[in-house]
Amino acid sequence: MTQILGWVATAVFVGSYFFSRPAALRAVQMVGATLWIVYGFLIEATPVIAANALVFAAAAWTCFAARKSRPTAPVAATPAQSTL
């Protein structure tokens, strides 16, 4: 079962690079990193846990930072406002 989890984590992480939208890529990378963290606990490999915790944190940081920096859409003027 542990081996299967490792292969699924590999497939998810590699598959993330086929997403063209950065937000989707980061979200799938976070899922892959989570699977790797669980795998790391199962095989008691601290470096696997630490490396993927960092990958998860970096993906989450850039995902949420990108959302915060996204400009908001301008509000369309109503006909009454356009004459002012």
PDB file of N, CA and C in Angstrom:
ATOM      1  N   MET A   1       0.830  -1.201   0.000  1.00  0.00           N
ATOM      2  CA  MET A   1       0.000   0.000   0.000  1.00  0.00           C
ATOM      3  C   MET A   1       0.867   1.255   0.000  1.00  0.00           C
ATOM      4  N   THR A   2       1.961   1.225   0.758  1.00  0.00           N
ATOM      5  CA  THR A   2       2.852   2.381   0.829  1.00  0.00           C
ATOM      6  C   THR A   2       3.469   2.665  -0.535  1.00  0.00           C
ATOM      7  N   GLN A   3       3.874   1.614  -1.240  1.00  0.00           N
ATOM      8  CA  GLN A   3       4.457   1.784  -2.572  1.00  0.00           C
ATOM      9  C   GLN A   3       3.462   2.422  -3.532  1.00  0.00           C
ATOM     10  N   ILE A   4       2.215   1.999  -3.451  1.00  0.00           N
ATOM     11  CA  ILE A   4       1.176   2.566  -4.312  1.00  0.00           C
ATOM     12  C   ILE A   4       1.017   4.049  -4.030  1.00  0.00           C
ATOM     13  N   LEU A   5       1.015   4.433  -2.763  1.00  0.00           N
ATOM     14  CA  LEU A   5       0.908   5.851  -2.406  1.00  0.00           C
ATOM     15  C   LEU A   5       2.066   6.643  -2.999  1.00  0.00           C
ATOM     16  N   GLY A   6       3.273   6.108  -2.927  1.00  0.00           N
ATOM     17  CA  GLY A   6       4.434   6.763  -3.506  1.00  0.00           C
ATOM     18  C   GLY A   6       4.295   6.965  -5.012  1.00  0.00           C
ATOM     19  N   TRP A   7       3.787   5.959  -5.707  1.00  0.00           N
ATOM     20  CA  TRP A   7       3.600   6.080  -7.152  1.00  0.00           C
ATOM     21  C   TRP A   7       2.477   7.053  -7.495  1.00  0.00           C
ATOM     22  N   VAL A   8       1.409   7.052  -6.710  1.00  0.00           N
ATOM     23  CA  VAL A   8       0.322   8.010  -6.934  1.00  0.00           C
ATOM     24  C   VAL A   8       0.830   9.432  -6.707  1.00  0.00           C
ATOM     25  N   ALA A   9       1.607   9.634  -5.646  1.00  0.00           N
ATOM     26  CA  ALA A   9       2.181  10.956  -5.370  1.00  0.00           C
ATOM     27  C   ALA A   9       3.070  11.399  -6.527  1.00  0.00           C
ATOM     28  N   THR A  10       3.858  10.481  -7.059  1.00  0.00           N
ATOM     29  CA  THR A  10       4.709  10.800  -8.203  1.00  0.00           C
ATOM     30  C   THR A  10       3.874  11.207  -9.404  1.00  0.00           C
ATOM     31  N   ALA A  11       2.843  10.445  -9.701  1.00  0.00           N
ATOM     32  CA  ALA A  11       1.980  10.736 -10.851  1.00  0.00           C
ATOM     33  C   ALA A  11       1.291  12.094 -10.699  1.00  0.00           C
ATOM     34  N   VAL A  12       0.795  12.381  -9.509  1.00  0.00           N
ATOM     35  CA  VAL A  12       0.108  13.663  -9.277  1.00  0.00           C
ATOM     36  C   VAL A  12       1.082  14.812  -9.453  1.00  0.00           C
ATOM     37  N   PHE A  13       2.263  14.691  -8.862  1.00  0.00           N
ATOM     38  CA  PHE A  13       3.239  15.776  -8.925  1.00  0.00           C
ATOM     39  C   PHE A  13       3.717  16.009 -10.354  1.00  0.00           C
ATOM     40  N   VAL A  14       4.034  14.950 -11.073  1.00  0.00           N
ATOM     41  CA  VAL A  14       4.468  15.096 -12.469  1.00  0.00           C
ATOM     42  C   VAL A  14       3.315  15.622 -13.318  1.00  0.00           C
ATOM     43  N   GLY A  15       2.131  15.121 -13.084  1.00  0.00           N
ATOM     44  CA  GLY A  15       0.959  15.576 -13.826  1.00  0.00           C
ATOM     45  C   GLY A  15       0.660  17.051 -13.640  1.00  0.00           C
ATOM     46  N   SER A  16       1.078  17.614 -12.517  1.00  0.00           N
ATOM     47  CA  SER A  16       0.815  19.035 -12.257  1.00  0.00           C
ATOM     48  C   SER A  16       1.466  19.928 -13.300  1.00  0.00           C
ATOM     49  N   TYR A  17       2.552  19.477 -13.902  1.00  0.00           N
ATOM     50  CA  TYR A  17       3.256  20.295 -14.886  1.00  0.00           C
ATOM     51  C   TYR A  17       2.535  20.379 -16.227  1.00  0.00           C
ATOM     52  N   PHE A  18       1.486  19.614 -16.403  1.00  0.00           N
ATOM     53  CA  PHE A  18       0.703  19.672 -17.625  1.00  0.00           C
ATOM     54  C   PHE A  18      -0.436  20.679 -17.539  1.00  0.00           C
ATOM     55  N   PHE A  19      -0.597  21.326 -16.400  1.00  0.00           N
ATOM     56  CA  PHE A  19      -1.620  22.347 -16.244  1.00  0.00           C
ATOM     57  C   PHE A  19      -1.068  23.668 -16.751  1.00  0.00           C
ATOM     58  N   SER A  20      -1.839  24.370 -17.568  1.00  0.00           N
ATOM     59  CA  SER A  20      -1.355  25.631 -18.123  1.00  0.00           C
ATOM     60  C   SER A  20      -1.649  26.815 -17.200  1.00  0.00           C
ATOM     61  N   ARG A  21      -2.673  26.714 -16.396  1.00  0.00           N
ATOM     62  CA  ARG A  21      -2.987  27.799 -15.461  1.00  0.00           C
ATOM     63  C   ARG A  21      -2.126  27.657 -14.212  1.00  0.00           C
ATOM     64  N   PRO A  22      -1.399  28.711 -13.837  1.00  0.00           N
ATOM     65  CA  PRO A  22      -0.526  28.636 -12.662  1.00  0.00           C
ATOM     66  C   PRO A  22      -1.264  28.227 -11.383  1.00  0.00           C
ATOM     67  N   ALA A  23      -2.479  28.711 -11.205  1.00  0.00           N
ATOM     68  CA  ALA A  23      -3.240  28.378  -9.992  1.00  0.00           C
ATOM     69  C   ALA A  23      -3.543  26.880  -9.942  1.00  0.00           C
ATOM     70  N   ALA A  24      -3.882  26.298 -11.077  1.00  0.00           N
ATOM     71  CA  ALA A  24      -4.169  24.859 -11.123  1.00  0.00           C
ATOM     72  C   ALA A  24      -2.900  24.065 -10.860  1.00  0.00           C
ATOM     73  N   LEU A  25      -1.788  24.500 -11.445  1.00  0.00           N
ATOM     74  CA  LEU A  25      -0.512  23.827 -11.230  1.00  0.00           C
ATOM     75  C   LEU A  25      -0.167  23.822  -9.753  1.00  0.00           C
ATOM     76  N   ARG A  26      -0.304  24.962  -9.096  1.00  0.00           N
ATOM     77  CA  ARG A  26       0.037  25.049  -7.675  1.00  0.00           C
ATOM     78  C   ARG A  26      -0.902  24.207  -6.822  1.00  0.00           C
ATOM     79  N   ALA A  27      -2.186  24.200  -7.159  1.00  0.00           N
ATOM     80  CA  ALA A  27      -3.142  23.412  -6.383  1.00  0.00           C
ATOM     81  C   ALA A  27      -2.818  21.922  -6.479  1.00  0.00           C
ATOM     82  N   VAL A  28      -2.501  21.457  -7.682  1.00  0.00           N
ATOM     83  CA  VAL A  28      -2.177  20.041  -7.858  1.00  0.00           C
ATOM     84  C   VAL A  28      -0.841  19.734  -7.185  1.00  0.00           C
ATOM     85  N   GLN A  29       0.110  20.674  -7.232  1.00  0.00           N
ATOM     86  CA  GLN A  29       1.379  20.473  -6.530  1.00  0.00           C
ATOM     87  C   GLN A  29       1.147  20.354  -5.022  1.00  0.00           C
ATOM     88  N   MET A  30       0.207  21.115  -4.495  1.00  0.00           N
ATOM     89  CA  MET A  30      -0.105  21.021  -3.064  1.00  0.00           C
ATOM     90  C   MET A  30      -0.679  19.648  -2.734  1.00  0.00           C
ATOM     91  N   VAL A  31      -1.527  19.123  -3.606  1.00  0.00           N
ATOM     92  CA  VAL A  31      -2.078  17.776  -3.396  1.00  0.00           C
ATOM     93  C   VAL A  31      -0.948  16.748  -3.452  1.00  0.00           C
ATOM     94  N   GLY A  32      -0.083  16.865  -4.452  1.00  0.00           N
ATOM     95  CA  GLY A  32       1.042  15.942  -4.573  1.00  0.00           C
ATOM     96  C   GLY A  32       1.967  16.004  -3.368  1.00  0.00           C
ATOM     97  N   ALA A  33       2.260  17.218  -2.910  1.00  0.00           N
ATOM     98  CA  ALA A  33       3.121  17.370  -1.737  1.00  0.00           C
ATOM     99  C   ALA A  33       2.481  16.754  -0.502  1.00  0.00           C
ATOM    100  N   THR A  34       1.176  16.902  -0.373  1.00  0.00           N
ATOM    101  CA  THR A  34       0.465  16.297   0.757  1.00  0.00           C
ATOM    102  C   THR A  34       0.592  14.774   0.715  1.00  0.00           C
ATOM    103  N   LEU A  35       0.430  14.206  -0.468  1.00  0.00           N
ATOM    104  CA  LEU A  35       0.584  12.756  -0.602  1.00  0.00           C
ATOM    105  C   LEU A  35       2.005  12.330  -0.242  1.00  0.00           C
ATOM    106  N   TRP A  36       3.001  13.113  -0.679  1.00  0.00           N
ATOM    107  CA  TRP A  36       4.393  12.800  -0.348  1.00  0.00           C
ATOM    108  C   TRP A  36       4.649  12.913   1.151  1.00  0.00           C
ATOM    109  N   ILE A  37       4.017  13.867   1.802  1.00  0.00           N
ATOM    110  CA  ILE A  37       4.171  14.002   3.258  1.00  0.00           C
ATOM    111  C   ILE A  37       3.629  12.765   3.967  1.00  0.00           C
ATOM    112  N   VAL A  38       2.457  12.317   3.554  1.00  0.00           N
ATOM    113  CA  VAL A  38       1.884  11.098   4.140  1.00  0.00           C
ATOM    114  C   VAL A  38       2.812   9.914   3.875  1.00  0.00           C
ATOM    115  N   TYR A  39       3.305   9.819   2.657  1.00  0.00           N
ATOM    116  CA  TYR A  39       4.256   8.756   2.307  1.00  0.00           C
ATOM    117  C   TYR A  39       5.494   8.831   3.201  1.00  0.00           C
ATOM    118  N   GLY A  40       6.008  10.040   3.399  1.00  0.00           N
ATOM    119  CA  GLY A  40       7.181  10.226   4.251  1.00  0.00           C
ATOM    120  C   GLY A  40       6.946   9.741   5.669  1.00  0.00           C
ATOM    121  N   PHE A  41       5.761  10.011   6.203  1.00  0.00           N
ATOM    122  CA  PHE A  41       5.439   9.511   7.544  1.00  0.00           C
ATOM    123  C   PHE A  41       5.369   7.989   7.561  1.00  0.00           C
ATOM    124  N   LEU A  42       4.789   7.405   6.517  1.00  0.00           N
ATOM    125  CA  LEU A  42       4.658   5.945   6.470  1.00  0.00           C
ATOM    126  C   LEU A  42       6.012   5.241   6.408  1.00  0.00           C
ATOM    127  N   ILE A  43       6.972   5.838   5.701  1.00  0.00           N
ATOM    128  CA  ILE A  43       8.284   5.203   5.602  1.00  0.00           C
ATOM    129  C   ILE A  43       9.275   5.803   6.608  1.00  0.00           C
ATOM    130  N   GLU A  44       8.774   6.708   7.437  1.00  0.00           N
ATOM    131  CA  GLU A  44       9.576   7.351   8.479  1.00  0.00           C
ATOM    132  C   GLU A  44      10.814   8.034   7.905  1.00  0.00           C
ATOM    133  N   ALA A  45      10.581   8.853   6.876  1.00  0.00           N
ATOM    134  CA  ALA A  45      11.669   9.562   6.194  1.00  0.00           C
ATOM    135  C   ALA A  45      11.501  11.065   6.406  1.00  0.00           C
ATOM    136  N   THR A  46      12.180  11.578   7.401  1.00  0.00           N
ATOM    137  CA  THR A  46      12.091  13.006   7.723  1.00  0.00           C
ATOM    138  C   THR A  46      12.455  13.904   6.543  1.00  0.00           C
ATOM    139  N   PRO A  47      13.495  13.589   5.741  1.00  0.00           N
ATOM    140  CA  PRO A  47      13.806  14.460   4.599  1.00  0.00           C
ATOM    141  C   PRO A  47      12.660  14.549   3.581  1.00  0.00           C
ATOM    142  N   VAL A  48      11.948  13.462   3.369  1.00  0.00           N
ATOM    143  CA  VAL A  48      10.811  13.475   2.444  1.00  0.00           C
ATOM    144  C   VAL A  48       9.711  14.364   2.998  1.00  0.00           C
ATOM    145  N   ILE A  49       9.468  14.262   4.287  1.00  0.00           N
ATOM    146  CA  ILE A  49       8.440  15.086   4.936  1.00  0.00           C
ATOM    147  C   ILE A  49       8.828  16.555   4.852  1.00  0.00           C
ATOM    148  N   ALA A  50      10.062  16.876   5.223  1.00  0.00           N
ATOM    149  CA  ALA A  50      10.510  18.272   5.245  1.00  0.00           C
ATOM    150  C   ALA A  50      10.511  18.885   3.852  1.00  0.00           C
ATOM    151  N   ALA A  51      11.060  18.168   2.880  1.00  0.00           N
ATOM    152  CA  ALA A  51      11.125  18.701   1.514  1.00  0.00           C
ATOM    153  C   ALA A  51       9.734  18.995   0.970  1.00  0.00           C
ATOM    154  N   ASN A  52       8.803  18.107   1.216  1.00  0.00           N
ATOM    155  CA  ASN A  52       7.462  18.301   0.672  1.00  0.00           C
ATOM    156  C   ASN A  52       6.630  19.275   1.484  1.00  0.00           C
ATOM    157  N   ALA A  53       6.942  19.435   2.749  1.00  0.00           N
ATOM    158  CA  ALA A  53       6.306  20.507   3.524  1.00  0.00           C
ATOM    159  C   ALA A  53       6.726  21.859   2.954  1.00  0.00           C
ATOM    160  N   LEU A  54       7.998  21.974   2.558  1.00  0.00           N
ATOM    161  CA  LEU A  54       8.473  23.208   1.933  1.00  0.00           C
ATOM    162  C   LEU A  54       7.833  23.431   0.565  1.00  0.00           C
ATOM    163  N   VAL A  55       7.698  22.357  -0.214  1.00  0.00           N
ATOM    164  CA  VAL A  55       7.030  22.462  -1.521  1.00  0.00           C
ATOM    165  C   VAL A  55       5.582  22.897  -1.323  1.00  0.00           C
ATOM    166  N   PHE A  56       4.906  22.284  -0.355  1.00  0.00           N
ATOM    167  CA  PHE A  56       3.512  22.652  -0.079  1.00  0.00           C
ATOM    168  C   PHE A  56       3.420  24.118   0.322  1.00  0.00           C
ATOM    169  N   ALA A  57       4.297  24.550   1.221  1.00  0.00           N
ATOM    170  CA  ALA A  57       4.271  25.939   1.698  1.00  0.00           C
ATOM    171  C   ALA A  57       4.544  26.919   0.562  1.00  0.00           C
ATOM    172  N   ALA A  58       5.519  26.607  -0.293  1.00  0.00           N
ATOM    173  CA  ALA A  58       5.837  27.489  -1.417  1.00  0.00           C
ATOM    174  C   ALA A  58       4.672  27.570  -2.399  1.00  0.00           C
ATOM    175  N   ALA A  59       4.066  26.428  -2.702  1.00  0.00           N
ATOM    176  CA  ALA A  59       2.928  26.419  -3.629  1.00  0.00           C
ATOM    177  C   ALA A  59       1.746  27.177  -3.036  1.00  0.00           C
ATOM    178  N   ALA A  60       1.486  26.970  -1.751  1.00  0.00           N
ATOM    179  CA  ALA A  60       0.371  27.671  -1.094  1.00  0.00           C
ATOM    180  C   ALA A  60       0.639  29.174  -1.048  1.00  0.00           C
ATOM    181  N   TRP A  61       1.866  29.534  -0.696  1.00  0.00           N
ATOM    182  CA  TRP A  61       2.225  30.960  -0.613  1.00  0.00           C
ATOM    183  C   TRP A  61       2.031  31.653  -1.962  1.00  0.00           C
ATOM    184  N   THR A  62       2.575  31.055  -3.025  1.00  0.00           N
ATOM    185  CA  THR A  62       2.455  31.686  -4.337  1.00  0.00           C
ATOM    186  C   THR A  62       1.023  31.661  -4.851  1.00  0.00           C
ATOM    187  N   CYS A  63       0.285  30.633  -4.509  1.00  0.00           N
ATOM    188  CA  CYS A  63      -1.123  30.544  -4.932  1.00  0.00           C
ATOM    189  C   CYS A  63      -1.947  31.649  -4.285  1.00  0.00           C
ATOM    190  N   PHE A  64      -1.792  31.809  -2.981  1.00  0.00           N
ATOM    191  CA  PHE A  64      -2.590  32.809  -2.277  1.00  0.00           C
ATOM    192  C   PHE A  64      -2.053  34.217  -2.486  1.00  0.00           C
ATOM    193  N   ALA A  65      -0.758  34.377  -2.674  1.00  0.00           N
ATOM    194  CA  ALA A  65      -0.183  35.694  -2.961  1.00  0.00           C
ATOM    195  C   ALA A  65      -0.659  36.180  -4.328  1.00  0.00           C
ATOM    196  N   ALA A  66      -0.756  35.276  -5.279  1.00  0.00           N
ATOM    197  CA  ALA A  66      -1.233  35.639  -6.612  1.00  0.00           C
ATOM    198  C   ALA A  66      -2.692  36.080  -6.558  1.00  0.00           C
ATOM    199  N   ARG A  67      -3.469  35.453  -5.716  1.00  0.00           N
ATOM    200  CA  ARG A  67      -4.883  35.848  -5.585  1.00  0.00           C
ATOM    201  C   ARG A  67      -5.016  37.236  -4.973  1.00  0.00           C
ATOM    202  N   LYS A  68      -4.159  37.543  -4.002  1.00  0.00           N
ATOM    203  CA  LYS A  68      -4.224  38.850  -3.346  1.00  0.00           C
ATOM    204  C   LYS A  68      -3.780  39.971  -4.270  1.00  0.00           C
ATOM    205  N   SER A  69      -2.808  39.688  -5.138  1.00  0.00           N
ATOM    206  CA  SER A  69      -2.274  40.738  -5.999  1.00  0.00           C
ATOM    207  C   SER A  69      -3.059  40.913  -7.290  1.00  0.00           C
ATOM    208  N   ARG A  70      -4.030  40.053  -7.523  1.00  0.00           N
ATOM    209  CA  ARG A  70      -4.848  40.158  -8.723  1.00  0.00           C
ATOM    210  C   ARG A  70      -5.673  41.435  -8.667  1.00  0.00           C
ATOM    211  N   PRO A  71      -5.626  42.246  -9.718  1.00  0.00           N
ATOM    212  CA  PRO A  71      -6.430  43.470  -9.702  1.00  0.00           C
ATOM    213  C   PRO A  71      -7.912  43.131  -9.757  1.00  0.00           C
ATOM    214  N   THR A  72      -8.684  43.926  -9.084  1.00  0.00           N
ATOM    215  CA  THR A  72     -10.124  43.717  -9.121  1.00  0.00           C
ATOM    216  C   THR A  72     -10.675  44.366 -10.374  1.00  0.00           C
ATOM    217  N   ALA A  73     -11.757  43.821 -10.871  1.00  0.00           N
ATOM    218  CA  ALA A  73     -12.378  44.357 -12.081  1.00  0.00           C
ATOM    219  C   ALA A  73     -13.006  45.702 -11.770  1.00  0.00           C
ATOM    220  N   PRO A  74     -12.840  46.649 -12.676  1.00  0.00           N
ATOM    221  CA  PRO A  74     -13.450  47.959 -12.436  1.00  0.00           C
ATOM    222  C   PRO A  74     -14.970  47.846 -12.468  1.00  0.00           C
ATOM    223  N   VAL A  75     -15.597  48.651 -11.669  1.00  0.00           N
ATOM    224  CA  VAL A  75     -17.052  48.679 -11.616  1.00  0.00           C
ATOM    225  C   VAL A  75     -17.540  49.524 -12.768  1.00  0.00           C
ATOM    226  N   ALA A  76     -18.469  49.003 -13.533  1.00  0.00           N
ATOM    227  CA  ALA A  76     -19.004  49.734 -14.673  1.00  0.00           C
ATOM    228  C   ALA A  76     -19.851  50.905 -14.182  1.00  0.00           C
ATOM    229  N   ALA A  77     -19.717  52.011 -14.861  1.00  0.00           N
ATOM    230  CA  ALA A  77     -20.501  53.198 -14.506  1.00  0.00           C
ATOM    231  C   ALA A  77     -21.936  53.001 -14.958  1.00  0.00           C
ATOM    232  N   THR A  78     -22.855  53.447 -14.127  1.00  0.00           N
ATOM    233  CA  THR A  78     -24.265  53.402 -14.512  1.00  0.00           C
ATOM    234  C   THR A  78     -24.536  54.610 -15.399  1.00  0.00           C
ATOM    235  N   PRO A  79     -25.598  54.602 -16.172  1.00  0.00           N
ATOM    236  CA  PRO A  79     -25.899  55.748 -17.036  1.00  0.00           C
ATOM    237  C   PRO A  79     -25.959  57.078 -16.267  1.00  0.00           C
ATOM    238  N   ALA A  80     -26.464  57.040 -15.054  1.00  0.00           N
ATOM    239  CA  ALA A  80     -26.568  58.274 -14.268  1.00  0.00           C
ATOM    240  C   ALA A  80     -25.176  58.780 -13.885  1.00  0.00           C
ATOM    241  N   GLN A  81     -24.250  57.892 -13.621  1.00  0.00           N
ATOM    242  CA  GLN A  81     -22.901  58.295 -13.234  1.00  0.00           C
ATOM    243  C   GLN A  81     -22.089  58.789 -14.417  1.00  0.00           C
ATOM    244  N   SER A  82     -22.386  58.327 -15.594  1.00  0.00           N
ATOM    245  CA  SER A  82     -21.572  58.692 -16.749  1.00  0.00           C
ATOM    246  C   SER A  82     -21.797  60.138 -17.181  1.00  0.00           C
ATOM    247  N   THR A  83     -22.892  60.770 -16.747  1.00  0.00           N
ATOM    248  CA  THR A  83     -23.146  62.159 -17.112  1.00  0.00           C
ATOM    249  C   THR A  83     -22.506  63.134 -16.142  1.00  0.00           C
ATOM    250  N   LEU A  84     -21.981  62.638 -15.035  1.00  0.00           N
ATOM    251  CA  LEU A  84     -21.358  63.524 -14.041  1.00  0.00           C
ATOM    252  C   LEU A  84     -20.011  63.964 -14.449  1.00  0.00           C
TER     253      LEU A  84
END
